[in-house]
C-alpha cells in the first residue's frame, strides 16, 4: 500500500488520541479553579460573597442535593444570576442549574466549613 494513502489515517488517529486527551482533561478540571470555567466561576463566587443571605441560600440548595423551596426574592436573584432552575415556579422550588455549579460550589462550601 502506498504511504500517501496511509498517512491521512495515521495522522487522523493521532489527532483523535490528542483530542481525547484534551477532552478528558477538560472534563476532569472543569469544576476546579484550574479549569476552563475558572473566571466565570470566580465571578459568581465574588457576587455570592457580597451577599451573605444569598450565599447561605445557595449553599443550602447545593449541599442538600435535591430540589428545595426557597424565598421568592432569593429565587428571583439566584435565577437571575443563572445559578438555579425552578422546578416548580409557583412554589419557588429550586435546584442547581447545572452539574458544573453543583460540583464546584459543593466543593467550595465544603472547603469553607
PDB file of N, CA and C in Angstrom:
ATOM      1  N   UNK A   1       0.840  -1.167   0.000  1.00  0.00           N
ATOM      2  CA  UNK A   1       0.000   0.000   0.000  1.00  0.00           C
ATOM      3  C   UNK A   1       0.900   1.251   0.000  1.00  0.00           C
ATOM      4  N   UNK A   2       0.604   2.233  -0.830  1.00  0.00           N
ATOM      5  CA  UNK A   2       1.433   3.442  -0.875  1.00  0.00           C
ATOM      6  C   UNK A   2       1.283   4.268   0.410  1.00  0.00           C
ATOM      7  N   UNK A   3       2.372   4.905   0.816  1.00  0.00           N
ATOM      8  CA  UNK A   3       2.351   5.677   2.066  1.00  0.00           C
ATOM      9  C   UNK A   3       1.443   6.895   1.986  1.00  0.00           C
ATOM     10  N   UNK A   4       1.276   7.470   0.804  1.00  0.00           N
ATOM     11  CA  UNK A   4       0.400   8.637   0.684  1.00  0.00           C
ATOM     12  C   UNK A   4      -1.038   8.282   1.029  1.00  0.00           C
ATOM     13  N   UNK A   5      -1.390   7.015   0.899  1.00  0.00           N
ATOM     14  CA  UNK A   5      -2.746   6.579   1.190  1.00  0.00           C
ATOM     15  C   UNK A   5      -2.923   6.308   2.692  1.00  0.00           C
ATOM     16  N   UNK A   6      -1.880   5.855   3.365  1.00  0.00           N
ATOM     17  CA  UNK A   6      -1.933   5.519   4.790  1.00  0.00           C
ATOM     18  C   UNK A   6      -1.833   6.765   5.667  1.00  0.00           C
ATOM     19  N   UNK A   7      -1.051   7.729   5.237  1.00  0.00           N
ATOM     20  CA  UNK A   7      -0.768   8.911   6.057  1.00  0.00           C
ATOM     21  C   UNK A   7      -2.025   9.604   6.613  1.00  0.00           C
ATOM     22  N   UNK A   8      -3.064   9.868   5.823  1.00  0.00           N
ATOM     23  CA  UNK A   8      -4.241  10.540   6.397  1.00  0.00           C
ATOM     24  C   UNK A   8      -4.875   9.758   7.550  1.00  0.00           C
ATOM     25  N   UNK A   9      -4.902   8.440   7.448  1.00  0.00           N
ATOM     26  CA  UNK A   9      -5.485   7.630   8.518  1.00  0.00           C
ATOM     27  C   UNK A   9      -4.614   7.670   9.767  1.00  0.00           C
ATOM     28  N   UNK A  10      -3.318   7.650   9.588  1.00  0.00           N
ATOM     29  CA  UNK A  10      -2.391   7.684  10.712  1.00  0.00           C
ATOM     30  C   UNK A  10      -2.483   9.020  11.442  1.00  0.00           C
ATOM     31  N   UNK A  11      -2.448  10.112  10.701  1.00  0.00           N
ATOM     32  CA  UNK A  11      -2.497  11.425  11.348  1.00  0.00           C
ATOM     33  C   UNK A  11      -3.858  11.680  11.994  1.00  0.00           C
ATOM     34  N   UNK A  12      -4.921  11.212  11.369  1.00  0.00           N
ATOM     35  CA  UNK A  12      -6.229  11.429  11.989  1.00  0.00           C
ATOM     36  C   UNK A  12      -6.356  10.609  13.269  1.00  0.00           C
ATOM     37  N   UNK A  13      -5.724   9.445  13.317  1.00  0.00           N
ATOM     38  CA  UNK A  13      -5.768   8.646  14.538  1.00  0.00           C
ATOM     39  C   UNK A  13      -4.949   9.310  15.642  1.00  0.00           C
ATOM     40  N   UNK A  14      -3.841   9.936  15.294  1.00  0.00           N
ATOM     41  CA  UNK A  14      -3.051  10.672  16.280  1.00  0.00           C
ATOM     42  C   UNK A  14      -3.850  11.873  16.776  1.00  0.00           C
ATOM     43  N   UNK A  15      -4.486  12.586  15.873  1.00  0.00           N
ATOM     44  CA  UNK A  15      -5.289  13.743  16.269  1.00  0.00           C
ATOM     45  C   UNK A  15      -6.432  13.323  17.192  1.00  0.00           C
ATOM     46  N   UNK A  16      -7.032  12.181  16.907  1.00  0.00           N
ATOM     47  CA  UNK A  16      -8.125  11.697  17.749  1.00  0.00           C
ATOM     48  C   UNK A  16      -7.620  11.393  19.153  1.00  0.00           C
ATOM     49  N   UNK A  17      -6.455  10.770  19.257  1.00  0.00           N
ATOM     50  CA  UNK A  17      -5.896  10.470  20.580  1.00  0.00           C
ATOM     51  C   UNK A  17      -5.605  11.751  21.351  1.00  0.00           C
ATOM     52  N   UNK A  18      -5.036  12.739  20.667  1.00  0.00           N
ATOM     53  CA  UNK A  18      -4.748  14.020  21.319  1.00  0.00           C
ATOM     54  C   UNK A  18      -6.043  14.723  21.723  1.00  0.00           C
ATOM     55  N   UNK A  19      -7.022  14.675  20.840  1.00  0.00           N
ATOM     56  CA  UNK A  19      -8.317  15.281  21.138  1.00  0.00           C
ATOM     57  C   UNK A  19      -8.949  14.606  22.348  1.00  0.00           C
ATOM     58  N   UNK A  20      -8.885  13.288  22.392  1.00  0.00           N
ATOM     59  CA  UNK A  20      -9.431  12.555  23.539  1.00  0.00           C
ATOM     60  C   UNK A  20      -8.739  12.953  24.839  1.00  0.00           C
ATOM     61  N   UNK A  21      -7.416  13.131  24.782  1.00  0.00           N
ATOM     62  CA  UNK A  21      -6.666  13.558  25.973  1.00  0.00           C
ATOM     63  C   UNK A  21      -7.130  14.935  26.441  1.00  0.00           C
ATOM     64  N   UNK A  22      -7.253  15.837  25.486  1.00  0.00           N
ATOM     65  CA  UNK A  22      -7.663  17.205  25.814  1.00  0.00           C
ATOM     66  C   UNK A  22      -9.073  17.208  26.409  1.00  0.00           C
ATOM     67  N   UNK A  23      -9.989  16.488  25.792  1.00  0.00           N
ATOM     68  CA  UNK A  23     -11.367  16.434  26.297  1.00  0.00           C
ATOM     69  C   UNK A  23     -11.429  15.820  27.691  1.00  0.00           C
ATOM     70  N   UNK A  24     -10.631  14.801  27.918  1.00  0.00           N
ATOM     71  CA  UNK A  24     -10.591  14.172  29.241  1.00  0.00           C
ATOM     72  C   UNK A  24     -10.098  15.172  30.288  1.00  0.00           C
ATOM     73  N   UNK A  25      -9.056  15.915  29.945  1.00  0.00           N
ATOM     74  CA  UNK A  25      -8.509  16.903  30.886  1.00  0.00           C
ATOM     75  C   UNK A  25      -9.527  18.017  31.161  1.00  0.00           C
ATOM     76  N   UNK A  26     -10.212  18.448  30.122  1.00  0.00           N
ATOM     77  CA  UNK A  26     -11.229  19.495  30.297  1.00  0.00           C
ATOM     78  C   UNK A  26     -12.322  19.022  31.249  1.00  0.00           C
ATOM     79  N   UNK A  27     -12.820  17.813  31.050  1.00  0.00           N
ATOM     80  CA  UNK A  27     -13.899  17.317  31.907  1.00  0.00           C
ATOM     81  C   UNK A  27     -13.433  17.058  33.335  1.00  0.00           C
ATOM     82  N   UNK A  28     -12.172  16.665  33.499  1.00  0.00           N
ATOM     83  CA  UNK A  28     -11.655  16.419  34.849  1.00  0.00           C
ATOM     84  C   UNK A  28     -11.429  17.711  35.630  1.00  0.00           C
ATOM     85  N   UNK A  29     -11.079  18.786  34.943  1.00  0.00           N
ATOM     86  CA  UNK A  29     -10.729  20.030  35.639  1.00  0.00           C
ATOM     87  C   UNK A  29     -11.811  21.107  35.556  1.00  0.00           C
ATOM     88  N   UNK A  30     -12.892  20.851  34.847  1.00  0.00           N
ATOM     89  CA  UNK A  30     -13.921  21.884  34.640  1.00  0.00           C
ATOM     90  C   UNK A  30     -14.452  22.460  35.949  1.00  0.00           C
ATOM     91  N   UNK A  31     -14.627  21.637  36.950  1.00  0.00           N
ATOM     92  CA  UNK A  31     -15.213  22.073  38.226  1.00  0.00           C
ATOM     93  C   UNK A  31     -14.167  22.507  39.244  1.00  0.00           C
ATOM     94  N   UNK A  32     -12.972  22.816  38.773  1.00  0.00           N
ATOM     95  CA  UNK A  32     -11.900  23.227  39.683  1.00  0.00           C
ATOM     96  C   UNK A  32     -11.455  24.645  39.347  1.00  0.00           C
ATOM     97  N   UNK A  33     -10.539  25.160  40.149  1.00  0.00           N
ATOM     98  CA  UNK A  33     -10.043  26.510  39.909  1.00  0.00           C
ATOM     99  C   UNK A  33      -8.932  26.552  38.869  1.00  0.00           C
ATOM    100  N   UNK A  34      -8.646  25.431  38.234  1.00  0.00           N
ATOM    101  CA  UNK A  34      -7.691  25.442  37.122  1.00  0.00           C
ATOM    102  C   UNK A  34      -8.374  25.063  35.812  1.00  0.00           C
ATOM    103  N   UNK A  35      -9.686  24.925  35.843  1.00  0.00           N
ATOM    104  CA  UNK A  35     -10.439  24.520  34.664  1.00  0.00           C
ATOM    105  C   UNK A  35     -10.734  25.676  33.725  1.00  0.00           C
ATOM    106  N   UNK A  36     -11.415  25.344  32.634  1.00  0.00           N
ATOM    107  CA  UNK A  36     -11.692  26.352  31.611  1.00  0.00           C
ATOM    108  C   UNK A  36     -12.757  27.364  32.042  1.00  0.00           C
ATOM    109  N   UNK A  37     -13.500  27.057  33.097  1.00  0.00           N
ATOM    110  CA  UNK A  37     -14.552  27.963  33.561  1.00  0.00           C
ATOM    111  C   UNK A  37     -14.131  28.789  34.778  1.00  0.00           C
ATOM    112  N   UNK A  38     -12.845  28.803  35.090  1.00  0.00           N
ATOM    113  CA  UNK A  38     -12.346  29.464  36.297  1.00  0.00           C
ATOM    114  C   UNK A  38     -12.829  30.898  36.435  1.00  0.00           C
ATOM    115  N   UNK A  39     -12.640  31.709  35.421  1.00  0.00           N
ATOM    116  CA  UNK A  39     -13.031  33.125  35.513  1.00  0.00           C
ATOM    117  C   UNK A  39     -14.519  33.278  35.790  1.00  0.00           C
ATOM    118  N   UNK A  40     -15.315  32.527  35.086  1.00  0.00           N
ATOM    119  CA  UNK A  40     -16.767  32.587  35.265  1.00  0.00           C
ATOM    120  C   UNK A  40     -17.158  32.182  36.690  1.00  0.00           C
ATOM    121  N   UNK A  41     -16.605  31.086  37.161  1.00  0.00           N
ATOM    122  CA  UNK A  41     -16.939  30.601  38.499  1.00  0.00           C
ATOM    123  C   UNK A  41     -16.469  31.562  39.591  1.00  0.00           C
ATOM    124  N   UNK A  42     -15.323  32.171  39.392  1.00  0.00           N
ATOM    125  CA  UNK A  42     -14.827  33.135  40.379  1.00  0.00           C
ATOM    126  C   UNK A  42     -15.661  34.416  40.393  1.00  0.00           C
ATOM    127  N   UNK A  43     -16.172  34.821  39.237  1.00  0.00           N
ATOM    128  CA  UNK A  43     -17.068  35.988  39.195  1.00  0.00           C
ATOM    129  C   UNK A  43     -18.349  35.706  39.986  1.00  0.00           C
ATOM    130  N   UNK A  44     -18.888  34.525  39.800  1.00  0.00           N
ATOM    131  CA  UNK A  44     -20.099  34.149  40.534  1.00  0.00           C
ATOM    132  C   UNK A  44     -19.801  34.057  42.030  1.00  0.00           C
ATOM    133  N   UNK A  45     -18.669  33.474  42.369  1.00  0.00           N
ATOM    134  CA  UNK A  45     -18.273  33.357  43.775  1.00  0.00           C
ATOM    135  C   UNK A  45     -18.159  34.730  44.417  1.00  0.00           C
ATOM    136  N   UNK A  46     -17.552  35.661  43.716  1.00  0.00           N
ATOM    137  CA  UNK A  46     -17.407  37.031  44.222  1.00  0.00           C
ATOM    138  C   UNK A  46     -18.775  37.668  44.452  1.00  0.00           C
ATOM    139  N   UNK A  47     -19.686  37.471  43.511  1.00  0.00           N
ATOM    140  CA  UNK A  47     -21.038  38.025  43.657  1.00  0.00           C
ATOM    141  C   UNK A  47     -21.749  37.413  44.863  1.00  0.00           C
ATOM    142  N   UNK A  48     -21.603  36.115  45.059  1.00  0.00           N
ATOM    143  CA  UNK A  48     -22.236  35.463  46.207  1.00  0.00           C
ATOM    144  C   UNK A  48     -21.624  35.927  47.525  1.00  0.00           C
ATOM    145  N   UNK A  49     -20.322  36.129  47.533  1.00  0.00           N
ATOM    146  CA  UNK A  49     -19.642  36.568  48.757  1.00  0.00           C
ATOM    147  C   UNK A  49     -20.116  37.951  49.204  1.00  0.00           C
ATOM    148  N   UNK A  50     -20.595  38.746  48.272  1.00  0.00           N
ATOM    149  CA  UNK A  50     -21.040  40.100  48.628  1.00  0.00           C
ATOM    150  C   UNK A  50     -22.426  40.118  49.266  1.00  0.00           C
ATOM    151  N   UNK A  51     -23.119  38.999  49.240  1.00  0.00           N
ATOM    152  CA  UNK A  51     -24.461  38.933  49.833  1.00  0.00           C
ATOM    153  C   UNK A  51     -24.581  37.652  50.664  1.00  0.00           C
ATOM    154  N   UNK A  52     -24.414  37.785  51.967  1.00  0.00           N
ATOM    155  CA  UNK A  52     -24.384  36.624  52.866  1.00  0.00           C
ATOM    156  C   UNK A  52     -25.671  35.794  52.814  1.00  0.00           C
ATOM    157  N   UNK A  53     -26.827  36.463  52.737  1.00  0.00           N
ATOM    158  CA  UNK A  53     -28.101  35.734  52.706  1.00  0.00           C
ATOM    159  C   UNK A  53     -28.220  34.876  51.451  1.00  0.00           C
ATOM    160  N   UNK A  54     -27.850  35.453  50.322  1.00  0.00           N
ATOM    161  CA  UNK A  54     -27.916  34.731  49.053  1.00  0.00           C
ATOM    162  C   UNK A  54     -26.934  33.562  49.045  1.00  0.00           C
ATOM    163  N   UNK A  55     -25.755  33.809  49.560  1.00  0.00           N
ATOM    164  CA  UNK A  55     -24.733  32.757  49.652  1.00  0.00           C
ATOM    165  C   UNK A  55     -25.242  31.603  50.514  1.00  0.00           C
ATOM    166  N   UNK A  56     -25.835  31.928  51.645  1.00  0.00           N
ATOM    167  CA  UNK A  56     -26.361  30.910  52.552  1.00  0.00           C
ATOM    168  C   UNK A  56     -27.470  30.091  51.886  1.00  0.00           C
ATOM    169  N   UNK A  57     -28.353  30.780  51.176  1.00  0.00           N
ATOM    170  CA  UNK A  57     -29.455  30.093  50.495  1.00  0.00           C
ATOM    171  C   UNK A  57     -28.931  29.165  49.400  1.00  0.00           C
ATOM    172  N   UNK A  58     -27.965  29.651  48.625  1.00  0.00           N
ATOM    173  CA  UNK A  58     -27.412  28.826  47.550  1.00  0.00           C
ATOM    174  C   UNK A  58     -26.625  27.651  48.128  1.00  0.00           C
ATOM    175  N   UNK A  59     -25.964  27.869  49.239  1.00  0.00           N
ATOM    176  CA  UNK A  59     -25.232  26.784  49.905  1.00  0.00           C
ATOM    177  C   UNK A  59     -26.191  25.664  50.281  1.00  0.00           C
ATOM    178  N   UNK A  60     -27.355  26.016  50.810  1.00  0.00           N
ATOM    179  CA  UNK A  60     -28.359  25.005  51.158  1.00  0.00           C
ATOM    180  C   UNK A  60     -28.802  24.227  49.926  1.00  0.00           C
ATOM    181  N   UNK A  61     -29.059  24.933  48.845  1.00  0.00           N
ATOM    182  CA  UNK A  61     -29.518  24.287  47.612  1.00  0.00           C
ATOM    183  C   UNK A  61     -28.474  23.301  47.104  1.00  0.00           C
ATOM    184  N   UNK A  62     -27.222  23.707  47.139  1.00  0.00           N
ATOM    185  CA  UNK A  62     -26.139  22.872  46.605  1.00  0.00           C
ATOM    186  C   UNK A  62     -25.856  21.673  47.502  1.00  0.00           C
ATOM    187  N   UNK A  63     -25.874  21.874  48.807  1.00  0.00           N
ATOM    188  CA  UNK A  63     -25.493  20.789  49.712  1.00  0.00           C
ATOM    189  C   UNK A  63     -26.611  19.788  49.986  1.00  0.00           C
ATOM    190  N   UNK A  64     -27.854  20.207  49.855  1.00  0.00           N
ATOM    191  CA  UNK A  64     -28.977  19.296  50.071  1.00  0.00           C
ATOM    192  C   UNK A  64     -29.044  18.242  48.964  1.00  0.00           C
ATOM    193  N   UNK A  65     -28.622  18.610  47.782  1.00  0.00           N
ATOM    194  CA  UNK A  65     -28.552  17.696  46.636  1.00  0.00           C
ATOM    195  C   UNK A  65     -29.927  17.246  46.143  1.00  0.00           C
ATOM    196  N   UNK A  66     -30.925  18.060  46.385  1.00  0.00           N
ATOM    197  CA  UNK A  66     -32.253  17.833  45.814  1.00  0.00           C
ATOM    198  C   UNK A  66     -32.972  19.174  45.765  1.00  0.00           C
ATOM    199  N   UNK A  67     -34.014  19.238  44.969  1.00  0.00           N
ATOM    200  CA  UNK A  67     -34.765  20.487  44.838  1.00  0.00           C
ATOM    201  C   UNK A  67     -35.407  20.844  46.170  1.00  0.00           C
ATOM    202  N   UNK A  68     -35.419  22.148  46.458  1.00  0.00           N
ATOM    203  CA  UNK A  68     -35.996  22.601  47.727  1.00  0.00           C
ATOM    204  C   UNK A  68     -36.668  23.953  47.553  1.00  0.00           C
ATOM    205  N   UNK A  69     -37.701  24.240  48.353  1.00  0.00           N
ATOM    206  CA  UNK A  69     -38.363  25.546  48.270  1.00  0.00           C
ATOM    207  C   UNK A  69     -37.490  26.633  48.896  1.00  0.00           C
ATOM    208  N   UNK A  70     -37.498  27.802  48.274  1.00  0.00           N
ATOM    209  CA  UNK A  70     -36.749  28.945  48.803  1.00  0.00           C
ATOM    210  C   UNK A  70     -37.621  30.192  48.725  1.00  0.00           C
ATOM    211  N   UNK A  71     -37.198  31.240  49.400  1.00  0.00           N
ATOM    212  CA  UNK A  71     -37.939  32.504  49.406  1.00  0.00           C
ATOM    213  C   UNK A  71     -38.009  33.079  47.992  1.00  0.00           C
ATOM    214  N   UNK A  72     -39.108  33.737  47.687  1.00  0.00           N
ATOM    215  CA  UNK A  72     -39.343  34.267  46.340  1.00  0.00           C
ATOM    216  C   UNK A  72     -38.250  35.241  45.896  1.00  0.00           C
ATOM    217  N   UNK A  73     -37.824  36.123  46.786  1.00  0.00           N
ATOM    218  CA  UNK A  73     -36.797  37.111  46.430  1.00  0.00           C
ATOM    219  C   UNK A  73     -35.470  36.415  46.126  1.00  0.00           C
ATOM    220  N   UNK A  74     -35.099  35.441  46.969  1.00  0.00           N
ATOM    221  CA  UNK A  74     -33.862  34.690  46.732  1.00  0.00           C
ATOM    222  C   UNK A  74     -33.955  33.890  45.435  1.00  0.00           C
ATOM    223  N   UNK A  75     -35.121  33.313  45.185  1.00  0.00           N
ATOM    224  CA  UNK A  75     -35.319  32.557  43.946  1.00  0.00           C
ATOM    225  C   UNK A  75     -35.115  33.465  42.742  1.00  0.00           C
ATOM    226  N   UNK A  76     -35.683  34.657  42.806  1.00  0.00           N
ATOM    227  CA  UNK A  76     -35.537  35.610  41.706  1.00  0.00           C
ATOM    228  C   UNK A  76     -34.072  35.976  41.483  1.00  0.00           C
ATOM    229  N   UNK A  77     -33.370  36.297  42.562  1.00  0.00           N
ATOM    230  CA  UNK A  77     -31.966  36.714  42.441  1.00  0.00           C
ATOM    231  C   UNK A  77     -31.078  35.580  41.928  1.00  0.00           C
ATOM    232  N   UNK A  78     -31.215  34.397  42.507  1.00  0.00           N
ATOM    233  CA  UNK A  78     -30.379  33.264  42.086  1.00  0.00           C
ATOM    234  C   UNK A  78     -30.700  32.833  40.657  1.00  0.00           C
ATOM    235  N   UNK A  79     -31.982  32.889  40.299  1.00  0.00           N
ATOM    236  CA  UNK A  79     -32.377  32.564  38.928  1.00  0.00           C
ATOM    237  C   UNK A  79     -31.818  33.603  37.955  1.00  0.00           C
ATOM    238  N   UNK A  80     -31.872  34.870  38.345  1.00  0.00           N
ATOM    239  CA  UNK A  80     -31.340  35.946  37.501  1.00  0.00           C
ATOM    240  C   UNK A  80     -29.835  35.805  37.291  1.00  0.00           C
ATOM    241  N   UNK A  81     -29.144  35.280  38.280  1.00  0.00           N
ATOM    242  CA  UNK A  81     -27.702  35.046  38.168  1.00  0.00           C
ATOM    243  C   UNK A  81     -27.399  33.790  37.350  1.00  0.00           C
ATOM    244  N   UNK A  82     -28.429  32.997  37.069  1.00  0.00           N
ATOM    245  CA  UNK A  82     -28.241  31.771  36.301  1.00  0.00           C
ATOM    246  C   UNK A  82     -27.770  30.595  37.132  1.00  0.00           C
ATOM    247  N   UNK A  83     -27.905  30.686  38.452  1.00  0.00           N
ATOM    248  CA  UNK A  83     -27.389  29.638  39.330  1.00  0.00           C
ATOM    249  C   UNK A  83     -28.378  28.516  39.613  1.00  0.00           C
ATOM    250  N   UNK A  84     -29.669  28.805  39.474  1.00  0.00           N
ATOM    251  CA  UNK A  84     -30.676  27.783  39.772  1.00  0.00           C
ATOM    252  C   UNK A  84     -31.656  27.644  38.614  1.00  0.00           C
ATOM    253  N   UNK A  85     -32.344  26.527  38.647  1.00  0.00           N
ATOM    254  CA  UNK A  85     -33.504  26.345  37.775  1.00  0.00           C
ATOM    255  C   UNK A  85     -34.686  26.117  38.705  1.00  0.00           C
ATOM    256  N   UNK A  86     -35.809  26.643  38.316  1.00  0.00           N
ATOM    257  CA  UNK A  86     -37.001  26.494  39.147  1.00  0.00           C
ATOM    258  C   UNK A  86     -37.770  25.264  38.691  1.00  0.00           C
ATOM    259  N   UNK A  87     -37.841  24.288  39.561  1.00  0.00           N
ATOM    260  CA  UNK A  87     -38.557  23.048  39.272  1.00  0.00           C
ATOM    261  C   UNK A  87     -40.058  23.308  39.295  1.00  0.00           C
ATOM    262  N   UNK A  88     -40.490  24.077  40.277  1.00  0.00           N
ATOM    263  CA  UNK A  88     -41.893  24.476  40.406  1.00  0.00           C
ATOM    264  C   UNK A  88     -41.905  25.972  40.713  1.00  0.00           C
ATOM    265  N   UNK A  89     -42.158  26.776  39.698  1.00  0.00           N
ATOM    266  CA  UNK A  89     -42.083  28.234  39.846  1.00  0.00           C
ATOM    267  C   UNK A  89     -43.128  28.772  40.821  1.00  0.00           C
ATOM    268  N   UNK A  90     -44.289  28.152  40.885  1.00  0.00           N
ATOM    269  CA  UNK A  90     -45.332  28.653  41.785  1.00  0.00           C
ATOM    270  C   UNK A  90     -44.953  28.454  43.256  1.00  0.00           C
ATOM    271  N   UNK A  91     -44.155  27.451  43.537  1.00  0.00           N
ATOM    272  CA  UNK A  91     -43.719  27.169  44.908  1.00  0.00           C
ATOM    273  C   UNK A  91     -42.273  27.601  45.155  1.00  0.00           C
ATOM    274  N   UNK A  92     -41.611  28.147  44.130  1.00  0.00           N
ATOM    275  CA  UNK A  92     -40.196  28.533  44.214  1.00  0.00           C
ATOM    276  C   UNK A  92     -39.304  27.369  44.649  1.00  0.00           C
ATOM    277  N   UNK A  93     -39.553  26.211  44.073  1.00  0.00           N
ATOM    278  CA  UNK A  93     -38.727  25.030  44.344  1.00  0.00           C
ATOM    279  C   UNK A  93     -37.550  25.072  43.382  1.00  0.00           C
ATOM    280  N   UNK A  94     -36.344  25.112  43.957  1.00  0.00           N
ATOM    281  CA  UNK A  94     -35.142  25.343  43.156  1.00  0.00           C
ATOM    282  C   UNK A  94     -34.137  24.204  43.275  1.00  0.00           C
ATOM    283  N   UNK A  95     -33.336  24.076  42.223  1.00  0.00           N
ATOM    284  CA  UNK A  95     -32.214  23.130  42.186  1.00  0.00           C
ATOM    285  C   UNK A  95     -31.074  23.823  41.448  1.00  0.00           C
ATOM    286  N   UNK A  96     -29.839  23.373  41.649  1.00  0.00           N
ATOM    287  CA  UNK A  96     -28.732  23.978  40.900  1.00  0.00           C
ATOM    288  C   UNK A  96     -28.993  23.895  39.399  1.00  0.00           C
ATOM    289  N   UNK A  97     -28.601  24.920  38.681  1.00  0.00           N
ATOM    290  CA  UNK A  97     -28.885  24.989  37.247  1.00  0.00           C
ATOM    291  C   UNK A  97     -28.191  23.890  36.458  1.00  0.00           C
ATOM    292  N   UNK A  98     -26.968  23.546  36.851  1.00  0.00           N
ATOM    293  CA  UNK A  98     -26.225  22.528  36.101  1.00  0.00           C
ATOM    294  C   UNK A  98     -25.264  21.786  37.022  1.00  0.00           C
ATOM    295  N   UNK A  99     -24.754  20.691  36.513  1.00  0.00           N
ATOM    296  CA  UNK A  99     -23.831  19.846  37.267  1.00  0.00           C
ATOM    297  C   UNK A  99     -22.546  20.601  37.611  1.00  0.00           C
ATOM    298  N   UNK A 100     -22.101  21.464  36.724  1.00  0.00           N
ATOM    299  CA  UNK A 100     -20.892  22.255  36.967  1.00  0.00           C
ATOM    300  C   UNK A 100     -21.046  23.086  38.242  1.00  0.00           C
ATOM    301  N   UNK A 101     -22.150  23.818  38.358  1.00  0.00           N
ATOM    302  CA  UNK A 101     -22.379  24.636  39.550  1.00  0.00           C
ATOM    303  C   UNK A 101     -22.534  23.762  40.791  1.00  0.00           C
ATOM    304  N   UNK A 102     -23.245  22.665  40.655  1.00  0.00           N
ATOM    305  CA  UNK A 102     -23.444  21.741  41.780  1.00  0.00           C
ATOM    306  C   UNK A 102     -22.097  21.273  42.325  1.00  0.00           C
ATOM    307  N   UNK A 103     -21.244  20.779  41.455  1.00  0.00           N
ATOM    308  CA  UNK A 103     -19.953  20.227  41.902  1.00  0.00           C
ATOM    309  C   UNK A 103     -19.007  21.308  42.409  1.00  0.00           C
ATOM    310  N   UNK A 104     -18.881  22.389  41.655  1.00  0.00           N
ATOM    311  CA  UNK A 104     -17.933  23.436  42.040  1.00  0.00           C
ATOM    312  C   UNK A 104     -18.307  24.041  43.390  1.00  0.00           C
ATOM    313  N   UNK A 105     -19.552  24.443  43.543  1.00  0.00           N
ATOM    314  CA  UNK A 105     -19.949  25.120  44.776  1.00  0.00           C
ATOM    315  C   UNK A 105     -20.091  24.155  45.952  1.00  0.00           C
ATOM    316  N   UNK A 106     -20.409  22.907  45.690  1.00  0.00           N
ATOM    317  CA  UNK A 106     -20.399  21.916  46.771  1.00  0.00           C
ATOM    318  C   UNK A 106     -18.988  21.839  47.360  1.00  0.00           C
ATOM    319  N   UNK A 107     -17.995  21.712  46.491  1.00  0.00           N
ATOM    320  CA  UNK A 107     -16.600  21.660  46.950  1.00  0.00           C
ATOM    321  C   UNK A 107     -16.167  22.979  47.581  1.00  0.00           C
ATOM    322  N   UNK A 108     -16.609  24.081  47.017  1.00  0.00           N
ATOM    323  CA  UNK A 108     -16.269  25.406  47.547  1.00  0.00           C
ATOM    324  C   UNK A 108     -16.786  25.571  48.978  1.00  0.00           C
ATOM    325  N   UNK A 109     -18.058  25.254  49.186  1.00  0.00           N
ATOM    326  CA  UNK A 109     -18.647  25.403  50.516  1.00  0.00           C
ATOM    327  C   UNK A 109     -18.060  24.389  51.501  1.00  0.00           C
ATOM    328  N   UNK A 110     -17.721  23.220  51.011  1.00  0.00           N
ATOM    329  CA  UNK A 110     -17.105  22.192  51.856  1.00  0.00           C
ATOM    330  C   UNK A 110     -15.738  22.668  52.368  1.00  0.00           C
ATOM    331  N   UNK A 111     -14.969  23.313  51.498  1.00  0.00           N
ATOM    332  CA  UNK A 111     -13.653  23.832  51.900  1.00  0.00           C
ATOM    333  C   UNK A 111     -13.785  24.946  52.933  1.00  0.00           C
ATOM    334  N   UNK A 112     -14.871  25.690  52.868  1.00  0.00           N
ATOM    335  CA  UNK A 112     -15.065  26.801  53.802  1.00  0.00           C
ATOM    336  C   UNK A 112     -15.492  26.336  55.194  1.00  0.00           C
ATOM    337  N   UNK A 113     -16.053  25.170  55.276  1.00  0.00           N
ATOM    338  CA  UNK A 113     -16.555  24.667  56.578  1.00  0.00           C
ATOM    339  C   UNK A 113     -15.434  24.250  57.495  1.00  0.00           C
TER     340      UNK A 113
END
